[in-house]
Amino acid sequence: MLYWALIFLVLALIAGVFGFGGIASAAAGIAKILFFVFLVLFVVGLLFNAFRGRGP
């Protein structure tokens, strides 16, 4: 899950560079949404991975 979150985070960043640069205004809105969605998924994946390995 962490692997896919990283892949989609990179894709969202690339889409953000193109969208925020003025190439397509619709791409900017999509990139903003994707960026924040996959940023949240990345953080959740990191937290899940950190707490999964700890035992009582």
N, C-alpha and C. Protein backbone atom coordinates (compact mmCIF):
# COMPACT_ATOMS: atom_id res chain seq x y z
N MET A 1 0.83 -1.19 0.00
CA MET A 1 0.00 0.00 0.00
C MET A 1 0.88 1.26 0.00
N LEU A 2 1.96 1.21 0.76
CA LEU A 2 2.87 2.34 0.80
C LEU A 2 3.51 2.58 -0.57
N TYR A 3 3.82 1.50 -1.27
CA TYR A 3 4.39 1.59 -2.61
C TYR A 3 3.45 2.33 -3.56
N TRP A 4 2.18 1.96 -3.55
CA TRP A 4 1.21 2.61 -4.43
C TRP A 4 0.97 4.05 -4.03
N ALA A 5 0.98 4.33 -2.74
CA ALA A 5 0.81 5.71 -2.29
C ALA A 5 1.96 6.58 -2.79
N LEU A 6 3.17 6.05 -2.76
CA LEU A 6 4.32 6.81 -3.26
C LEU A 6 4.22 7.04 -4.76
N ILE A 7 3.81 6.02 -5.51
CA ILE A 7 3.67 6.16 -6.96
C ILE A 7 2.64 7.23 -7.30
N PHE A 8 1.49 7.18 -6.66
CA PHE A 8 0.45 8.15 -6.98
C PHE A 8 0.79 9.54 -6.45
N LEU A 9 1.56 9.62 -5.38
CA LEU A 9 2.01 10.93 -4.91
C LEU A 9 2.93 11.57 -5.95
N VAL A 10 3.84 10.79 -6.51
CA VAL A 10 4.74 11.31 -7.55
C VAL A 10 3.93 11.71 -8.78
N LEU A 11 2.96 10.91 -9.17
CA LEU A 11 2.12 11.26 -10.31
C LEU A 11 1.33 12.55 -10.05
N ALA A 12 0.84 12.71 -8.84
CA ALA A 12 0.11 13.92 -8.50
C ALA A 12 1.02 15.14 -8.52
N LEU A 13 2.27 14.97 -8.07
CA LEU A 13 3.21 16.08 -8.12
C LEU A 13 3.54 16.47 -9.56
N ILE A 14 3.72 15.48 -10.43
CA ILE A 14 3.98 15.76 -11.85
C ILE A 14 2.78 16.45 -12.47
N ALA A 15 1.59 15.96 -12.19
CA ALA A 15 0.38 16.60 -12.71
C ALA A 15 0.25 18.01 -12.15
N GLY A 16 0.67 18.22 -10.91
CA GLY A 16 0.63 19.54 -10.30
C GLY A 16 1.56 20.52 -10.99
N VAL A 17 2.75 20.05 -11.35
CA VAL A 17 3.71 20.92 -12.05
C VAL A 17 3.12 21.38 -13.37
N PHE A 18 2.53 20.47 -14.11
CA PHE A 18 1.94 20.84 -15.39
C PHE A 18 0.68 21.70 -15.19
N GLY A 19 -0.12 21.35 -14.23
CA GLY A 19 -1.37 22.07 -14.02
C GLY A 19 -1.16 23.46 -13.45
N PHE A 20 -0.25 23.59 -12.48
CA PHE A 20 -0.02 24.89 -11.87
C PHE A 20 0.75 25.81 -12.80
N GLY A 21 1.42 25.25 -13.80
CA GLY A 21 2.18 26.06 -14.75
C GLY A 21 1.30 26.76 -15.76
N GLY A 22 0.04 26.48 -15.80
CA GLY A 22 -0.88 27.15 -16.72
C GLY A 22 -1.14 26.38 -18.00
N ILE A 23 -0.70 25.13 -18.08
CA ILE A 23 -0.92 24.34 -19.30
C ILE A 23 -2.40 24.05 -19.46
N ALA A 24 -3.04 23.67 -18.38
CA ALA A 24 -4.48 23.40 -18.44
C ALA A 24 -5.08 23.74 -17.08
N SER A 25 -6.09 24.58 -17.08
CA SER A 25 -6.68 24.98 -15.80
C SER A 25 -7.44 23.84 -15.14
N ALA A 26 -8.02 22.97 -15.94
CA ALA A 26 -8.73 21.82 -15.38
C ALA A 26 -7.75 20.86 -14.72
N ALA A 27 -6.56 20.72 -15.28
CA ALA A 27 -5.55 19.83 -14.71
C ALA A 27 -5.08 20.34 -13.35
N ALA A 28 -5.10 21.66 -13.15
CA ALA A 28 -4.68 22.21 -11.87
C ALA A 28 -5.63 21.78 -10.75
N GLY A 29 -6.92 21.83 -11.01
CA GLY A 29 -7.88 21.40 -10.00
C GLY A 29 -7.76 19.92 -9.68
N ILE A 30 -7.60 19.12 -10.72
CA ILE A 30 -7.44 17.69 -10.52
C ILE A 30 -6.15 17.40 -9.77
N ALA A 31 -5.09 18.10 -10.12
CA ALA A 31 -3.80 17.88 -9.47
C ALA A 31 -3.85 18.25 -7.99
N LYS A 32 -4.54 19.32 -7.67
CA LYS A 32 -4.67 19.71 -6.26
C LYS A 32 -5.38 18.63 -5.47
N ILE A 33 -6.46 18.11 -6.03
CA ILE A 33 -7.21 17.05 -5.35
C ILE A 33 -6.36 15.81 -5.20
N LEU A 34 -5.71 15.39 -6.28
CA LEU A 34 -4.85 14.19 -6.22
C LEU A 34 -3.70 14.38 -5.26
N PHE A 35 -3.11 15.54 -5.25
CA PHE A 35 -1.99 15.79 -4.35
C PHE A 35 -2.39 15.58 -2.90
N PHE A 36 -3.50 16.19 -2.49
CA PHE A 36 -3.90 16.07 -1.10
C PHE A 36 -4.42 14.68 -0.75
N VAL A 37 -5.11 14.03 -1.68
CA VAL A 37 -5.59 12.67 -1.42
C VAL A 37 -4.41 11.73 -1.21
N PHE A 38 -3.42 11.79 -2.09
CA PHE A 38 -2.31 10.86 -1.97
C PHE A 38 -1.31 11.27 -0.91
N LEU A 39 -1.28 12.53 -0.55
CA LEU A 39 -0.48 12.93 0.60
C LEU A 39 -1.05 12.32 1.88
N VAL A 40 -2.37 12.33 1.99
CA VAL A 40 -3.02 11.71 3.15
C VAL A 40 -2.78 10.20 3.13
N LEU A 41 -2.91 9.57 1.96
CA LEU A 41 -2.65 8.14 1.87
C LEU A 41 -1.21 7.81 2.23
N PHE A 42 -0.28 8.64 1.84
CA PHE A 42 1.13 8.43 2.16
C PHE A 42 1.35 8.49 3.67
N VAL A 43 0.78 9.49 4.32
CA VAL A 43 0.95 9.63 5.77
C VAL A 43 0.28 8.47 6.50
N VAL A 44 -0.89 8.07 6.06
CA VAL A 44 -1.58 6.93 6.68
C VAL A 44 -0.75 5.67 6.50
N GLY A 45 -0.18 5.50 5.32
CA GLY A 45 0.68 4.34 5.07
C GLY A 45 1.91 4.33 5.95
N LEU A 46 2.53 5.49 6.14
CA LEU A 46 3.68 5.57 7.03
C LEU A 46 3.31 5.24 8.47
N LEU A 47 2.19 5.79 8.92
CA LEU A 47 1.75 5.52 10.29
C LEU A 47 1.39 4.06 10.48
N PHE A 48 0.71 3.48 9.50
CA PHE A 48 0.32 2.08 9.59
C PHE A 48 1.57 1.20 9.65
N ASN A 49 2.56 1.52 8.81
CA ASN A 49 3.78 0.74 8.79
C ASN A 49 4.56 0.90 10.09
N ALA A 50 4.55 2.08 10.68
CA ALA A 50 5.28 2.31 11.92
C ALA A 50 4.66 1.57 13.10
N PHE A 51 3.35 1.56 13.17
CA PHE A 51 2.68 0.93 14.31
C PHE A 51 2.44 -0.56 14.13
N ARG A 52 2.53 -1.05 12.92
CA ARG A 52 2.28 -2.47 12.66
C ARG A 52 3.35 -3.35 13.24
N GLY A 53 4.61 -2.88 13.22
CA GLY A 53 5.72 -3.72 13.66
C GLY A 53 5.88 -3.80 15.16
N ARG A 54 5.21 -2.97 15.91
CA ARG A 54 5.38 -2.95 17.36
C ARG A 54 4.41 -3.94 18.03
N GLY A 55 4.96 -4.67 18.96
CA GLY A 55 4.14 -5.62 19.69
C GLY A 55 3.98 -5.21 21.14
N PRO A 56 3.15 -5.93 21.90
CA PRO A 56 2.94 -5.58 23.31
C PRO A 56 4.11 -5.91 24.19
